[in-house]
């Protein structure tokens, strides 16, 4: 038998003792090691999924982008509503006046039609990229931070009755402020 711990003992939530080259660690140190191990495994899984998406994009003849590290502007998010992004599995991650870039989970005719319509509406060149589920979910989270712009209503309706009501009681500015 070996002096090294098994994977099962490394992953157990007990106060397992982990052997290291400098001695033994227990308690909080063991939990920290286990947390770091789980984080590393999660990062490796995400990387593997990005690589798989990259290969799929190459097979479809599309470019691939990892949006987990790419900054997405609010102007780009506004081009496709959150509801449409969820329905079609597509997000806009880059938009300047002459160029728009879309990221989709699954390339199909519907995405192609959306890109054409967006290009016509924005008078811009549209490029479609294949993205992973992780990238897509990250961009969807950005919609929650998107400020909603409410239209300003400049219509002011004051009736003659309201004017008469205030005009009769107003003698100077102080009496206006009291009302």
Foldseek 3Di string as FASTA:
>chain_A
DDPADDPVLLQDPPQRWGQDPVGIDTDPVSVVVNVVVVVVVVVVVVVVQQVVQCVVCVVVVAHADEQVPPAADLVQQVLADLVRCVVQQKGWRDDDLAETEMEGQDDDVVVVVVQVVSCVVSVYHYGYHYYGPVNSVVVSVVNVVRDDDDDDDPDDDDDPVNVVVQVVQDDDPVSSVVD
